Amino acid sequence: MRGGGWWGGGRSNLFILPLFVFGAGCFFQFTNTRTYVNYDVDMISPSVSQPKDKILSKSLSQVKDNVLSNSLLLEYGNSWKVNPGSQSKEATEHSFGCKWLDFESTTGKTAKFCGHNVEGEGVTATIARSKRFHHCNVLPSMWEKSGPKQENSIYLEIGANIGSCVMEMLLSTDAKVIAFEPHPHNQYVLQKSIEALPQSIQDRFVLVPVALGGASTTNTIYAAKHNMGNSMVGKIVKDYRRQVFDEADQFEIAVEPLSSIISTYPDIPLIKLDAQGFECHILDGLTQELANKIRRVKFEVAKSHLRAQGCTDLLSKFRNLGFDIYDESEKNKIEGEYDQFKGMQELMAVRNTPIH
């Protein structure tokens, strides 16, 4: 198991304040202060075609790359903002730390990697032994296989965990990456690894620290003691009977629909989806308009986790959005539902209609 779980906006009275407040706001904007304001979006003309939130947040954007910035409808919510950094409130309160490792991509490029400093944590231990995480090895070739790239092409990772697959993609390809990871401890180690990279690589990456689901809400995320990849939204599902979930690893998190955060601007050749059974809820937050921009989704089927989250029709949901289902090699087409599989499976959803 590797992914995190899945996983805000009152209106302000800004416009009834005296005019000097607006002037002060302009001062902060031009001095590049990272100010976060809840705007009254109804004050924007309805004739404007792009999302109202996006128009107002662009002047405060933290994202330097234009493709990544234009791919985001939202860069902050009531309790979150993109690229929160490694000095979050949770990191300070819980004294998160790093076990620094040597990472080597499938193309031989190297970097320093922050793993969990918890003895026996699964993904961290694997990277310590092998210098990378084997489940990520196939991603660069899948990226290349997904067809010609455009100026607006991006890679999405839903359930980034500690960033082993993010690191593989950043080092082995020139992909621009948007990753979703809701667990604060995983966010911390991922951000520490990113902060240790050259600035040119950092600029190709955005972390959105929320879970994805069918509606904007909040929930609780839980994580297994020696497998932070088994981070689940809303409930505990154990990989084995004696697996421990510490209360210290439980956090309240924001949940947002994917189509409320990612715009229809980008071309999306590949998504990696690993959400510990929350996949049906994630697809419920995906509009057809955005789905039409996606070429391939690599996803995991874990029957016990899917059933615990009430997800019994995952493959049907993909098909209803215009995808065919194949095994990971894309040589064998899969019919029916996931209950046909005995163990955990890695599958591919491949768009069966032209990309719009």
Protein backbone atom coordinates (compact mmCIF):
# COMPACT_ATOMS: atom_id res chain seq x y z
CA MET A 1 0.00 0.00 0.00
CA ARG A 2 1.40 3.38 -0.89
CA GLY A 3 -1.15 6.14 -1.27
CA GLY A 4 -2.61 8.49 1.27
CA GLY A 5 -6.32 8.67 1.88
CA TRP A 6 -8.64 11.12 0.02
CA TRP A 7 -9.27 13.80 0.94
CA GLY A 8 -12.96 25.46 2.56
CA GLY A 9 -14.88 29.20 1.99
CA GLY A 10 -16.96 31.56 3.97
CA ARG A 11 -17.51 34.93 2.38
CA SER A 12 -15.84 38.03 3.73
CA ASN A 13 -17.26 41.43 4.41
CA LEU A 14 -14.24 42.91 2.66
CA PHE A 15 -16.19 45.16 0.36
CA ILE A 16 -18.12 46.96 3.11
CA LEU A 17 -14.91 48.15 4.76
CA PRO A 18 -13.54 51.64 4.12
CA LEU A 19 -11.71 52.23 0.86
CA PHE A 20 -8.31 52.42 2.51
CA VAL A 21 -8.50 48.68 3.18
CA PHE A 22 -8.48 48.07 -0.58
CA GLY A 23 -5.44 50.31 -0.88
CA ALA A 24 -3.69 48.36 1.83
CA GLY A 25 -4.51 45.14 0.03
CA CYS A 26 -2.94 46.48 -3.14
CA PHE A 27 0.20 47.41 -1.18
CA PHE A 28 0.53 43.87 0.12
CA GLN A 29 0.00 42.45 -3.34
CA PHE A 30 2.70 44.56 -4.95
CA THR A 31 5.18 43.82 -2.18
CA ASN A 32 4.59 40.10 -2.87
CA THR A 33 3.24 39.35 0.60
CA ARG A 34 1.44 36.00 0.67
CA THR A 35 -1.91 37.29 1.83
CA TYR A 36 -4.94 34.97 1.80
CA VAL A 37 -8.34 36.63 1.56
CA ASN A 38 -11.87 35.29 1.25
CA TYR A 39 -13.36 37.42 -1.54
CA ASP A 40 -17.02 38.07 -2.23
CA VAL A 41 -17.08 36.31 -5.59
CA ASP A 42 -20.57 37.61 -6.41
CA MET A 43 -19.04 41.03 -7.03
CA ILE A 44 -17.41 39.70 -10.23
CA SER A 45 -19.27 40.17 -13.48
CA PRO A 46 -21.19 37.03 -14.51
CA SER A 47 -20.02 37.62 -18.08
CA VAL A 48 -16.51 36.43 -17.15
CA SER A 49 -16.17 32.89 -18.47
CA GLN A 50 -13.37 31.46 -16.32
CA PRO A 51 -13.92 30.45 -12.66
CA LYS A 52 -14.40 33.43 -10.37
CA ASP A 53 -12.13 32.05 -7.63
CA LYS A 54 -9.31 31.69 -10.15
CA ILE A 55 -9.50 35.29 -11.38
CA LEU A 56 -9.10 36.66 -7.88
CA SER A 57 -6.46 34.24 -6.66
CA LYS A 58 -4.04 34.62 -9.59
CA SER A 59 -2.49 37.84 -8.30
CA LEU A 60 -1.66 35.96 -5.10
CA SER A 61 -0.42 32.82 -6.86
CA GLN A 62 2.38 30.86 -5.23
CA VAL A 63 2.94 28.81 -8.40
CA LYS A 64 5.69 30.16 -10.66
CA ASP A 65 5.19 27.87 -13.65
CA ASN A 66 2.41 29.15 -15.94
CA VAL A 67 1.27 25.69 -17.04
CA LEU A 68 0.90 24.51 -13.44
CA SER A 69 -0.71 27.78 -12.37
CA ASN A 70 -3.23 27.68 -15.22
CA SER A 71 -4.00 24.05 -14.37
CA LEU A 72 -5.21 25.04 -10.89
CA LEU A 73 -8.64 26.49 -10.24
CA LEU A 74 -7.87 26.83 -6.54
CA GLU A 75 -4.59 27.41 -4.73
CA TYR A 76 -6.05 27.68 -1.24
CA GLY A 77 -9.13 26.88 0.79
CA ASN A 78 -10.38 27.53 4.33
CA SER A 79 -7.70 25.37 5.96
CA TRP A 80 -5.11 24.72 3.24
CA LYS A 81 -2.91 26.23 0.56
CA VAL A 82 -0.77 24.66 -2.16
CA ASN A 83 2.91 24.06 -1.43
CA PRO A 84 2.47 24.44 2.34
CA GLY A 85 6.18 23.86 2.97
CA SER A 86 7.78 21.68 5.59
CA GLN A 87 7.29 24.18 8.45
CA SER A 88 3.57 23.58 8.95
CA LYS A 89 1.76 23.86 12.27
CA GLU A 90 1.37 20.08 12.38
CA ALA A 91 5.09 19.54 11.69
CA THR A 92 6.02 21.82 14.57
CA GLU A 93 3.48 20.45 17.04
CA HIS A 94 4.32 16.81 16.30
CA SER A 95 8.08 17.22 15.81
CA PHE A 96 8.13 15.53 12.41
CA GLY A 97 11.62 14.64 11.22
CA CYS A 98 13.56 13.09 8.34
CA LYS A 99 15.56 9.98 7.76
CA TRP A 100 17.72 11.22 4.89
CA LEU A 101 18.34 8.65 2.17
CA ASP A 102 20.07 8.45 -1.19
CA PHE A 103 17.55 8.21 -4.05
CA GLU A 104 18.48 7.00 -7.53
CA SER A 105 15.95 7.08 -10.35
CA THR A 106 15.57 4.46 -13.07
CA THR A 107 17.55 6.80 -15.34
CA GLY A 108 20.46 7.00 -12.89
CA LYS A 109 19.80 10.52 -11.60
CA THR A 110 20.31 10.99 -7.88
CA ALA A 111 18.91 13.16 -5.11
CA LYS A 112 18.63 13.29 -1.35
CA PHE A 113 15.33 11.88 -0.11
CA CYS A 114 13.52 12.46 3.17
CA GLY A 115 11.94 9.29 4.53
CA HIS A 116 9.99 8.79 7.74
CA ASN A 117 12.23 8.60 10.79
CA VAL A 118 10.08 5.81 12.20
CA GLU A 119 11.70 2.42 12.53
CA GLY A 120 10.30 -0.14 10.10
CA GLU A 121 8.20 2.24 7.97
CA GLY A 122 7.66 0.26 4.77
CA VAL A 123 8.34 2.61 1.85
CA THR A 124 11.21 4.33 3.67
CA ALA A 125 12.85 0.97 4.38
CA THR A 126 12.53 -0.08 0.74
CA ILE A 127 14.17 3.13 -0.51
CA ALA A 128 16.95 2.72 2.07
CA ARG A 129 17.68 -0.74 0.61
CA SER A 130 17.05 -0.14 -3.09
CA LYS A 131 17.40 3.66 -3.49
CA ARG A 132 13.91 3.85 -5.00
CA PHE A 133 10.47 2.29 -4.66
CA HIS A 134 9.82 -0.50 -7.17
CA HIS A 135 6.15 0.32 -7.79
CA CYS A 136 7.25 3.63 -9.36
CA ASN A 137 9.73 2.18 -11.84
CA VAL A 138 7.19 1.81 -14.64
CA LEU A 139 5.89 5.39 -14.53
CA PRO A 140 8.46 7.11 -16.81
CA SER A 141 7.86 4.55 -19.58
CA MET A 142 4.09 4.94 -19.12
CA TRP A 143 4.53 8.70 -19.46
CA GLU A 144 6.40 8.23 -22.73
CA LYS A 145 3.90 5.63 -23.95
CA SER A 146 0.99 8.00 -23.38
CA GLY A 147 1.69 9.84 -26.64
CA PRO A 148 3.05 13.21 -27.78
CA LYS A 149 3.27 15.82 -25.07
CA GLN A 150 1.95 19.34 -25.44
CA GLU A 151 3.05 22.57 -23.84
CA ASN A 152 0.19 22.22 -21.35
CA SER A 153 0.79 18.53 -20.46
CA ILE A 154 0.95 17.64 -16.76
CA TYR A 155 1.26 14.49 -14.64
CA LEU A 156 -1.15 14.06 -11.70
CA GLU A 157 -0.46 11.91 -8.68
CA ILE A 158 -3.36 11.25 -6.33
CA GLY A 159 -2.06 9.70 -3.13
CA ALA A 160 1.58 10.80 -3.28
CA ASN A 161 2.50 9.35 0.13
CA ILE A 162 6.13 10.33 0.87
CA GLY A 163 6.90 11.18 -2.75
CA SER A 164 8.79 8.17 -4.11
CA CYS A 165 6.88 8.19 -7.40
CA VAL A 166 6.91 11.99 -7.56
CA MET A 167 10.70 11.89 -7.27
CA GLU A 168 10.95 9.24 -9.99
CA MET A 169 8.90 11.37 -12.37
CA LEU A 170 10.75 14.60 -11.59
CA LEU A 171 14.18 13.00 -12.08
CA SER A 172 13.44 10.69 -15.00
CA THR A 173 11.15 12.92 -17.09
CA ASP A 174 10.56 16.61 -17.77
CA ALA A 175 6.95 16.29 -16.63
CA LYS A 176 5.27 19.04 -14.67
CA VAL A 177 3.71 17.43 -11.61
CA ILE A 178 0.70 18.18 -9.43
CA ALA A 179 0.45 15.85 -6.45
CA PHE A 180 -2.34 15.36 -3.89
CA GLU A 181 -1.46 14.10 -0.42
CA PRO A 182 -3.69 14.77 2.60
CA HIS A 183 -1.74 13.30 5.53
CA PRO A 184 0.35 16.03 7.24
CA HIS A 185 3.21 13.67 8.13
CA ASN A 186 3.52 12.46 4.54
CA GLN A 187 3.27 16.06 3.33
CA TYR A 188 6.18 17.00 5.57
CA VAL A 189 8.65 14.41 4.30
CA LEU A 190 7.55 14.98 0.69
CA GLN A 191 8.09 18.72 0.97
CA LYS A 192 11.50 18.24 2.61
CA SER A 193 12.62 16.13 -0.35
CA ILE A 194 11.34 18.73 -2.82
CA GLU A 195 13.06 21.56 -0.93
CA ALA A 196 16.39 19.71 -1.31
CA LEU A 197 16.12 19.65 -5.13
CA PRO A 198 17.49 22.29 -7.51
CA GLN A 199 15.11 25.23 -7.95
CA SER A 200 14.49 24.34 -11.60
CA ILE A 201 13.02 20.99 -10.52
CA GLN A 202 11.12 22.49 -7.59
CA ASP A 203 9.39 24.84 -10.03
CA ARG A 204 7.93 21.84 -11.90
CA PHE A 205 6.06 20.62 -8.83
CA VAL A 206 2.95 21.59 -6.87
CA LEU A 207 1.63 19.85 -3.75
CA VAL A 208 -2.09 20.19 -3.05
CA PRO A 209 -2.50 19.14 0.62
CA VAL A 210 -6.07 17.84 0.48
CA ALA A 211 -7.94 14.62 0.01
CA LEU A 212 -10.07 14.24 -3.06
CA GLY A 213 -13.72 13.20 -2.86
CA GLY A 214 -17.20 13.82 -4.16
CA ALA A 215 -17.82 17.10 -2.31
CA SER A 216 -16.07 19.87 -0.37
CA THR A 217 -15.99 18.83 3.29
CA THR A 218 -13.69 17.77 6.09
CA ASN A 219 -12.89 14.31 7.39
CA THR A 220 -10.43 12.41 9.55
CA ILE A 221 -7.42 10.62 8.12
CA TYR A 222 -5.87 7.60 9.85
CA ALA A 223 -2.46 6.03 9.21
CA ALA A 224 -0.94 2.66 10.06
CA LYS A 225 2.05 2.81 12.40
CA HIS A 226 4.61 1.10 10.15
CA ASN A 227 2.94 1.79 6.83
CA MET A 228 2.09 5.45 6.32
CA GLY A 229 0.99 4.44 2.84
CA ASN A 230 -2.03 2.84 4.47
CA SER A 231 -3.57 6.24 5.21
CA MET A 232 -7.34 6.14 5.01
CA VAL A 233 -10.08 8.75 5.04
CA GLY A 234 -12.98 8.32 7.42
CA LYS A 235 -12.26 4.86 8.78
CA ILE A 236 -9.57 2.37 9.68
CA VAL A 237 -8.99 -0.66 7.46
CA LYS A 238 -6.09 -2.86 8.49
CA ASP A 239 -3.72 -4.64 6.11
CA TYR A 240 -3.48 -7.38 8.73
CA ARG A 241 -5.25 -8.11 12.03
CA ARG A 242 -2.60 -6.74 14.42
CA GLN A 243 -1.77 -3.61 12.47
CA VAL A 244 -1.69 -0.57 14.77
CA PHE A 245 -3.17 2.87 14.12
CA ASP A 246 -1.89 5.44 16.62
CA GLU A 247 -4.11 8.33 17.65
CA ALA A 248 -1.12 10.65 17.12
CA ASP A 249 -1.35 9.93 13.38
CA GLN A 250 -5.01 11.01 13.12
CA PHE A 251 -5.72 14.43 11.65
CA GLU A 252 -8.68 16.44 10.43
CA ILE A 253 -8.19 17.15 6.74
CA ALA A 254 -9.88 19.03 3.90
CA VAL A 255 -11.64 17.12 1.14
CA GLU A 256 -12.26 18.68 -2.29
CA PRO A 257 -13.62 17.42 -5.64
CA LEU A 258 -10.89 17.02 -8.24
CA SER A 259 -12.81 19.14 -10.74
CA SER A 260 -12.95 22.01 -8.25
CA ILE A 261 -9.13 22.16 -8.16
CA ILE A 262 -7.90 21.09 -11.60
CA SER A 263 -9.10 23.17 -14.54
CA THR A 264 -9.82 21.90 -18.04
CA TYR A 265 -6.78 23.81 -19.35
CA PRO A 266 -4.15 21.03 -19.08
CA ASP A 267 -3.57 17.95 -21.19
CA ILE A 268 -3.24 15.04 -18.75
CA PRO A 269 -1.42 12.09 -20.33
CA LEU A 270 -1.12 10.11 -17.09
CA ILE A 271 -2.54 9.97 -13.57
CA LYS A 272 -1.35 7.64 -10.83
CA LEU A 273 -4.22 6.97 -8.40
CA ASP A 274 -3.69 5.17 -5.08
CA ALA A 275 -6.26 6.25 -2.51
CA GLN A 276 -6.72 3.24 -0.23
CA GLY A 277 -10.30 2.44 -1.23
CA PHE A 278 -11.50 6.03 -1.68
CA GLU A 279 -11.30 5.81 -5.47
CA CYS A 280 -15.07 5.76 -6.10
CA HIS A 281 -15.48 8.99 -4.13
CA ILE A 282 -12.67 10.57 -6.15
CA LEU A 283 -14.33 9.65 -9.43
CA ASP A 284 -17.58 11.13 -8.10
CA GLY A 285 -15.73 14.46 -7.98
CA LEU A 286 -14.52 14.18 -11.59
CA THR A 287 -16.67 15.87 -14.24
CA GLN A 288 -16.91 14.49 -17.75
CA GLU A 289 -15.36 17.69 -19.10
CA LEU A 290 -12.19 17.13 -17.09
CA ALA A 291 -12.23 13.36 -17.64
CA ASN A 292 -12.10 14.07 -21.38
CA LYS A 293 -8.63 15.60 -20.88
CA ILE A 294 -7.19 12.44 -19.27
CA ARG A 295 -5.51 9.76 -21.41
CA ARG A 296 -4.51 7.12 -18.85
CA VAL A 297 -4.99 6.37 -15.16
CA LYS A 298 -2.80 3.84 -13.37
CA PHE A 299 -4.68 2.67 -10.29
CA GLU A 300 -4.64 0.04 -7.59
CA VAL A 301 -7.46 -2.35 -6.71
CA ALA A 302 -7.44 -3.50 -3.09
CA LYS A 303 -10.76 -5.28 -2.48
CA SER A 304 -10.91 -4.97 1.31
CA HIS A 305 -10.25 -1.22 1.23
CA LEU A 306 -12.70 -0.55 -1.60
CA ARG A 307 -15.46 -2.52 0.09
CA ALA A 308 -14.86 -0.77 3.41
CA GLN A 309 -15.40 2.57 1.65
CA GLY A 310 -18.59 1.35 -0.04
CA CYS A 311 -16.95 1.26 -3.47
CA THR A 312 -18.33 -1.74 -5.36
CA ASP A 313 -18.52 -0.35 -8.91
CA LEU A 314 -15.11 1.26 -9.48
CA LEU A 315 -14.49 -0.19 -12.94
CA SER A 316 -18.01 0.74 -14.04
CA LYS A 317 -17.43 4.32 -12.92
CA PHE A 318 -14.30 4.50 -15.07
CA ARG A 319 -16.19 3.08 -18.06
CA ASN A 320 -19.00 5.60 -17.60
CA LEU A 321 -16.39 8.37 -17.88
CA GLY A 322 -15.13 6.99 -21.21
CA PHE A 323 -12.31 4.62 -20.22
CA ASP A 324 -11.59 0.98 -21.01
CA ILE A 325 -9.91 -1.12 -18.31
CA TYR A 326 -6.75 -3.15 -18.93
CA ASP A 327 -4.12 -4.92 -16.91
CA GLU A 328 -0.97 -2.91 -16.23
CA SER A 329 0.66 -4.09 -19.47
CA GLU A 330 -2.41 -2.88 -21.42
CA LYS A 331 -2.38 -6.20 -23.31
CA ASN A 332 -5.47 -7.71 -21.70
CA LYS A 333 -8.79 -5.91 -21.55
CA ILE A 334 -10.76 -6.36 -18.32
CA GLU A 335 -14.52 -6.83 -18.37
CA GLY A 336 -16.79 -6.87 -15.34
CA GLU A 337 -15.97 -5.57 -11.86
CA TYR A 338 -12.98 -5.90 -9.54
CA ASP A 339 -14.55 -8.67 -7.45
CA GLN A 340 -13.11 -11.12 -10.01
CA PHE A 341 -9.60 -10.57 -8.61
CA LYS A 342 -8.24 -12.57 -5.68
CA GLY A 343 -5.54 -10.19 -4.53
CA MET A 344 -4.40 -6.63 -5.04
CA GLN A 345 -4.17 -5.63 -8.70
CA GLU A 346 -2.54 -2.79 -10.64
CA LEU A 347 -4.82 -1.76 -13.52
CA MET A 348 -4.96 0.86 -16.26
CA ALA A 349 -7.92 2.99 -17.33
CA VAL A 350 -7.34 4.06 -20.96
CA ARG A 351 -9.48 6.67 -22.69
CA ASN A 352 -11.55 5.04 -25.45
CA THR A 353 -12.75 8.26 -27.07
CA PRO A 354 -10.74 11.12 -28.63
CA ILE A 355 -9.11 13.59 -26.24
CA HIS A 356 -10.95 16.92 -26.37
